[in-house]
Amino acid sequence: MSVVQRSAAVAGRNVAALRSVYLLVVLGGLLEPVLYLFSIGVGVGALVGDVPLPGGRVVGYAEFVAPAMLAASAMSGALSETTFNFFGKMKFWRLYEGILATPVRPIEIALGELSWAMLRGAVYSAAFLVIMVAMDLTTAARALLALPASVLVGFAFGALGMTISTLIRSWQDFDLIVAGQFALFLFSGTFVPATAYPHVLRWLVEVTPLYRAVDLIRGVTLGEPGLIQVLDVVYLLALTAAGLFVAGRRMERLLCK
């Protein structure tokens, strides 16, 4: 079997395990960003009005928030699967020790788990994009381009999540992960443009992975992608590669003693 086949077998195990409750899993993952979109994007948006983009174009607040909710949803889904679930399988359920008794290697487990997380994330993203198109917050053509962008976001955060899972020691450490995730959600250009922050804080915001993800998806869904979106893609690809490399090495050290 090839690396791809062994990684696919790991992902297939997760598909089989959740097959009976998959619809509930999808609905649960989709509900949060949709509620944020309607409560903040539409509800608060009625009070905020229009928002100027860096290029000078003015858009409605719901149009501004919706791409950020898509990026944040991709982040949350990927981190949930590759932190809580991944940590439990590795440290407590000892699932990976049994898998390693087969020809599957640690890096292939990482690839398989990441692929499974992205399969779930792609379903969430596709459903959310359908809602965006139905609400006239983007066009169908732009939504088709935004889907692979959101999958890339999920890959980046999934690889980062697996790296974090190999470094933490107990369930209590997840409080720090949740706090960091919530801080990213609030301060990554999700609800206000980065230009609204003081200069130093703006620089910190713009180097965070969620800001780069929001910037990429916002550029695609609003129809104004440029060179900065190429930088976003390079950033997220580099984060994915670095995360997979570190996670694979750490898993090999932890599981192949």
Protein backbone atom coordinates (compact mmCIF):
# COMPACT_ATOMS: atom_id res chain seq x y z
CA MET A 1 0.00 0.00 0.00
CA SER A 2 1.13 3.55 -0.72
CA VAL A 3 1.30 6.48 1.68
CA VAL A 4 -1.95 7.82 0.23
CA GLN A 5 -3.75 4.50 0.67
CA ARG A 6 -2.60 4.08 4.27
CA SER A 7 -3.59 7.65 5.12
CA ALA A 8 -6.97 7.11 3.43
CA ALA A 9 -7.48 3.97 5.55
CA VAL A 10 -7.05 6.06 8.72
CA ALA A 11 -9.57 8.62 7.44
CA GLY A 12 -11.91 5.78 6.40
CA ARG A 13 -11.89 4.44 9.94
CA ASN A 14 -13.26 7.78 11.18
CA VAL A 15 -15.92 7.85 8.46
CA ALA A 16 -17.10 4.38 9.48
CA ALA A 17 -17.14 5.32 13.18
CA LEU A 18 -19.41 8.35 12.63
CA ARG A 19 -21.53 7.06 9.76
CA SER A 20 -24.69 6.60 11.85
CA VAL A 21 -24.61 10.13 13.33
CA TYR A 22 -22.99 12.03 10.47
CA LEU A 23 -26.03 14.22 9.75
CA LEU A 24 -26.14 15.40 13.39
CA VAL A 25 -22.39 16.14 13.27
CA VAL A 26 -22.82 18.24 10.12
CA LEU A 27 -25.78 20.17 11.55
CA GLY A 28 -23.87 20.83 14.77
CA GLY A 29 -20.84 22.15 12.93
CA LEU A 30 -22.95 24.38 10.66
CA LEU A 31 -25.23 25.86 13.31
CA GLU A 32 -22.68 28.11 15.08
CA PRO A 33 -21.48 30.18 12.08
CA VAL A 34 -25.04 30.54 10.77
CA LEU A 35 -26.23 31.88 14.13
CA TYR A 36 -23.34 34.36 14.23
CA LEU A 37 -24.12 35.46 10.68
CA PHE A 38 -27.76 36.19 11.44
CA SER A 39 -27.28 37.64 14.93
CA ILE A 40 -24.23 39.83 14.26
CA GLY A 41 -23.96 40.10 10.49
CA VAL A 42 -27.64 40.82 9.95
CA GLY A 43 -28.89 41.94 13.38
CA VAL A 44 -26.01 44.16 14.50
CA GLY A 45 -25.35 45.01 10.85
CA ALA A 46 -28.63 46.90 10.74
CA LEU A 47 -27.12 49.30 13.29
CA VAL A 48 -23.57 49.38 11.89
CA GLY A 49 -24.41 50.02 8.25
CA ASP A 50 -21.77 49.76 5.53
CA VAL A 51 -18.08 48.96 6.04
CA PRO A 52 -15.22 50.33 3.88
CA LEU A 53 -12.69 47.79 2.56
CA PRO A 54 -8.95 48.58 2.23
CA GLY A 55 -9.36 49.20 -1.51
CA GLY A 56 -12.00 51.87 -0.89
CA ARG A 57 -15.02 49.73 -1.80
CA VAL A 58 -17.96 49.89 0.62
CA VAL A 59 -19.96 46.73 1.43
CA GLY A 60 -22.81 45.84 3.74
CA TYR A 61 -21.89 44.59 7.20
CA ALA A 62 -23.34 41.11 6.54
CA GLU A 63 -21.15 40.83 3.42
CA PHE A 64 -18.17 41.83 5.54
CA VAL A 65 -18.87 39.38 8.36
CA ALA A 66 -19.96 36.31 6.35
CA PRO A 67 -16.48 35.44 4.91
CA ALA A 68 -15.00 35.81 8.39
CA MET A 69 -17.59 33.41 9.80
CA LEU A 70 -16.65 30.92 7.09
CA ALA A 71 -12.95 31.21 7.96
CA ALA A 72 -13.63 31.01 11.71
CA SER A 73 -15.83 27.96 11.15
CA ALA A 74 -13.05 26.24 9.20
CA MET A 75 -10.64 27.06 12.04
CA SER A 76 -12.98 25.85 14.80
CA GLY A 77 -13.90 22.62 13.03
CA ALA A 78 -10.29 21.75 12.26
CA LEU A 79 -9.04 22.57 15.77
CA SER A 80 -11.88 20.64 17.41
CA GLU A 81 -11.09 17.50 15.43
CA THR A 82 -7.31 17.72 15.71
CA THR A 83 -7.04 18.78 19.35
CA PHE A 84 -9.77 17.25 21.57
CA ASN A 85 -10.40 14.15 19.47
CA PHE A 86 -6.80 13.68 18.37
CA PHE A 87 -5.45 14.07 21.92
CA GLY A 88 -7.97 11.57 23.28
CA LYS A 89 -7.14 8.98 20.63
CA MET A 90 -3.40 9.39 21.18
CA LYS A 91 -3.08 9.73 24.96
CA PHE A 92 -6.10 8.03 26.53
CA TRP A 93 -7.85 5.66 24.14
CA ARG A 94 -4.49 4.38 22.80
CA LEU A 95 -6.06 4.03 19.36
CA TYR A 96 -2.90 4.95 17.48
CA GLU A 97 -0.81 2.32 19.25
CA GLY A 98 -3.04 -0.33 17.69
CA ILE A 99 -2.84 1.33 14.27
CA LEU A 100 0.97 1.40 14.48
CA ALA A 101 0.94 -2.39 14.81
CA THR A 102 0.06 -2.30 11.10
CA PRO A 103 2.34 -0.87 8.35
CA VAL A 104 0.86 2.61 8.95
CA ARG A 105 3.46 5.17 10.12
CA PRO A 106 2.92 8.18 12.44
CA ILE A 107 3.03 10.74 9.60
CA GLU A 108 0.37 8.70 7.75
CA ILE A 109 -1.84 8.78 10.86
CA ALA A 110 -1.41 12.56 10.90
CA LEU A 111 -2.28 12.82 7.21
CA GLY A 112 -5.30 10.55 7.63
CA GLU A 113 -6.65 12.47 10.62
CA LEU A 114 -6.11 15.76 8.84
CA SER A 115 -7.89 14.46 5.74
CA TRP A 116 -10.84 13.37 7.86
CA ALA A 117 -11.03 16.76 9.54
CA MET A 118 -11.01 18.42 6.13
CA LEU A 119 -13.73 16.13 4.81
CA ARG A 120 -15.97 17.32 7.64
CA GLY A 121 -14.88 20.91 7.19
CA ALA A 122 -15.56 20.85 3.44
CA VAL A 123 -19.16 19.77 4.09
CA TYR A 124 -19.64 22.61 6.62
CA SER A 125 -18.07 25.14 4.26
CA ALA A 126 -20.13 24.05 1.26
CA ALA A 127 -23.38 24.31 3.24
CA PHE A 128 -22.44 27.74 4.61
CA LEU A 129 -21.53 28.99 1.13
CA VAL A 130 -24.94 27.88 -0.14
CA ILE A 131 -26.49 30.06 2.57
CA MET A 132 -24.27 32.99 1.58
CA VAL A 133 -25.31 32.66 -2.07
CA ALA A 134 -29.00 32.39 -1.07
CA MET A 135 -28.67 35.59 0.98
CA ASP A 136 -26.95 37.34 -1.95
CA LEU A 137 -23.76 37.85 0.09
CA THR A 138 -21.63 36.44 -2.73
CA THR A 139 -22.10 34.90 -6.17
CA ALA A 140 -22.15 31.22 -7.03
CA ALA A 141 -18.90 31.53 -9.02
CA ARG A 142 -17.11 33.20 -6.11
CA ALA A 143 -18.49 30.58 -3.72
CA LEU A 144 -16.93 27.83 -5.87
CA LEU A 145 -13.55 29.58 -5.51
CA ALA A 146 -14.07 30.12 -1.79
CA LEU A 147 -14.61 26.39 -1.10
CA PRO A 148 -10.99 25.31 -1.78
CA ALA A 149 -9.82 28.43 0.07
CA SER A 150 -11.77 27.37 3.17
CA VAL A 151 -10.41 23.83 2.86
CA LEU A 152 -6.88 25.27 2.82
CA VAL A 153 -7.71 27.22 5.99
CA GLY A 154 -8.86 24.00 7.62
CA PHE A 155 -5.68 22.18 6.59
CA ALA A 156 -3.53 24.91 8.12
CA PHE A 157 -5.37 24.98 11.44
CA GLY A 158 -5.68 21.19 11.48
CA ALA A 159 -1.91 20.79 11.15
CA LEU A 160 -1.43 23.44 13.84
CA GLY A 161 -3.92 21.67 16.10
CA MET A 162 -2.15 18.32 15.79
CA THR A 163 1.17 19.94 16.65
CA ILE A 164 -0.39 21.50 19.76
CA SER A 165 -1.93 18.14 20.74
CA THR A 166 1.48 16.48 20.76
CA LEU A 167 2.82 19.18 23.10
CA ILE A 168 0.08 19.48 25.75
CA ARG A 169 0.13 17.25 28.82
CA SER A 170 -3.47 17.04 30.13
CA TRP A 171 -7.07 18.01 29.49
CA GLN A 172 -6.59 21.14 31.62
CA ASP A 173 -4.27 22.54 28.95
CA PHE A 174 -7.24 22.81 26.61
CA ASP A 175 -8.36 25.88 28.55
CA LEU A 176 -5.41 27.70 26.98
CA ILE A 177 -6.35 26.46 23.52
CA VAL A 178 -9.95 27.65 23.92
CA ALA A 179 -8.77 31.05 25.20
CA GLY A 180 -6.37 31.45 22.27
CA GLN A 181 -9.01 30.40 19.77
CA PHE A 182 -11.53 32.86 21.20
CA ALA A 183 -8.97 35.68 21.09
CA LEU A 184 -8.28 34.93 17.43
CA PHE A 185 -12.00 34.88 16.73
CA LEU A 186 -12.49 38.34 18.22
CA PHE A 187 -9.34 40.08 17.00
CA SER A 188 -8.65 38.84 13.46
CA GLY A 189 -10.64 41.28 11.39
CA THR A 190 -13.78 39.21 11.84
CA PHE A 191 -16.11 41.97 13.03
CA VAL A 192 -14.12 45.17 12.36
CA PRO A 193 -11.45 45.99 9.76
CA ALA A 194 -7.84 45.71 10.97
CA THR A 195 -7.45 49.41 10.16
CA ALA A 196 -9.66 50.19 13.17
CA TYR A 197 -6.94 49.03 15.58
CA PRO A 198 -3.96 51.11 16.76
CA HIS A 199 -0.87 50.66 14.57
CA VAL A 200 1.03 48.22 16.81
CA LEU A 201 -2.04 46.11 17.54
CA ARG A 202 -2.96 46.12 13.86
CA TRP A 203 0.46 44.64 13.01
CA LEU A 204 -0.07 41.87 15.58
CA VAL A 205 -3.55 41.15 14.18
CA GLU A 206 -2.33 40.93 10.59
CA VAL A 207 0.31 38.28 11.32
CA THR A 208 -2.15 35.87 12.96
CA PRO A 209 -3.25 32.83 10.93
CA LEU A 210 -6.96 33.55 11.26
CA TYR A 211 -6.53 37.08 9.92
CA ARG A 212 -4.72 35.72 6.88
CA ALA A 213 -7.52 33.16 6.45
CA VAL A 214 -10.23 35.84 6.73
CA ASP A 215 -8.36 38.08 4.31
CA LEU A 216 -8.09 35.25 1.77
CA ILE A 217 -11.75 34.24 1.89
CA ARG A 218 -12.98 37.83 2.03
CA GLY A 219 -10.96 38.69 -1.06
CA VAL A 220 -12.42 35.71 -2.92
CA THR A 221 -16.07 36.05 -1.89
CA LEU A 222 -16.19 39.83 -2.40
CA GLY A 223 -14.56 39.56 -5.80
CA GLU A 224 -11.39 41.57 -5.12
CA PRO A 225 -8.51 39.04 -4.86
CA GLY A 226 -5.04 40.48 -5.44
CA LEU A 227 -1.40 39.89 -4.64
CA ILE A 228 -2.10 40.01 -0.91
CA GLN A 229 -4.27 36.90 -1.29
CA VAL A 230 -1.30 35.12 -2.88
CA LEU A 231 0.62 35.96 0.31
CA ASP A 232 -2.28 34.52 2.34
CA VAL A 233 -2.11 31.24 0.41
CA VAL A 234 1.68 30.98 0.85
CA TYR A 235 1.32 31.71 4.57
CA LEU A 236 -1.33 29.00 5.05
CA LEU A 237 0.58 26.45 2.97
CA ALA A 238 3.71 27.09 5.02
CA LEU A 239 1.73 26.69 8.25
CA THR A 240 0.28 23.40 6.98
CA ALA A 241 3.69 22.01 6.00
CA ALA A 242 5.34 23.09 9.26
CA GLY A 243 2.49 21.72 11.36
CA LEU A 244 2.51 18.33 9.62
CA PHE A 245 6.28 18.05 9.90
CA VAL A 246 6.37 18.83 13.62
CA ALA A 247 3.29 16.71 14.40
CA GLY A 248 4.71 13.72 12.51
CA ARG A 249 8.04 13.96 14.29
CA ARG A 250 6.42 14.42 17.69
CA MET A 251 4.04 11.49 17.16
CA GLU A 252 6.93 9.26 16.17
CA ARG A 253 8.78 10.24 19.34
CA LEU A 254 5.72 9.71 21.57
CA LEU A 255 4.30 6.53 20.04
CA CYS A 256 7.37 4.67 18.81
CA LYS A 257 9.35 4.46 22.04
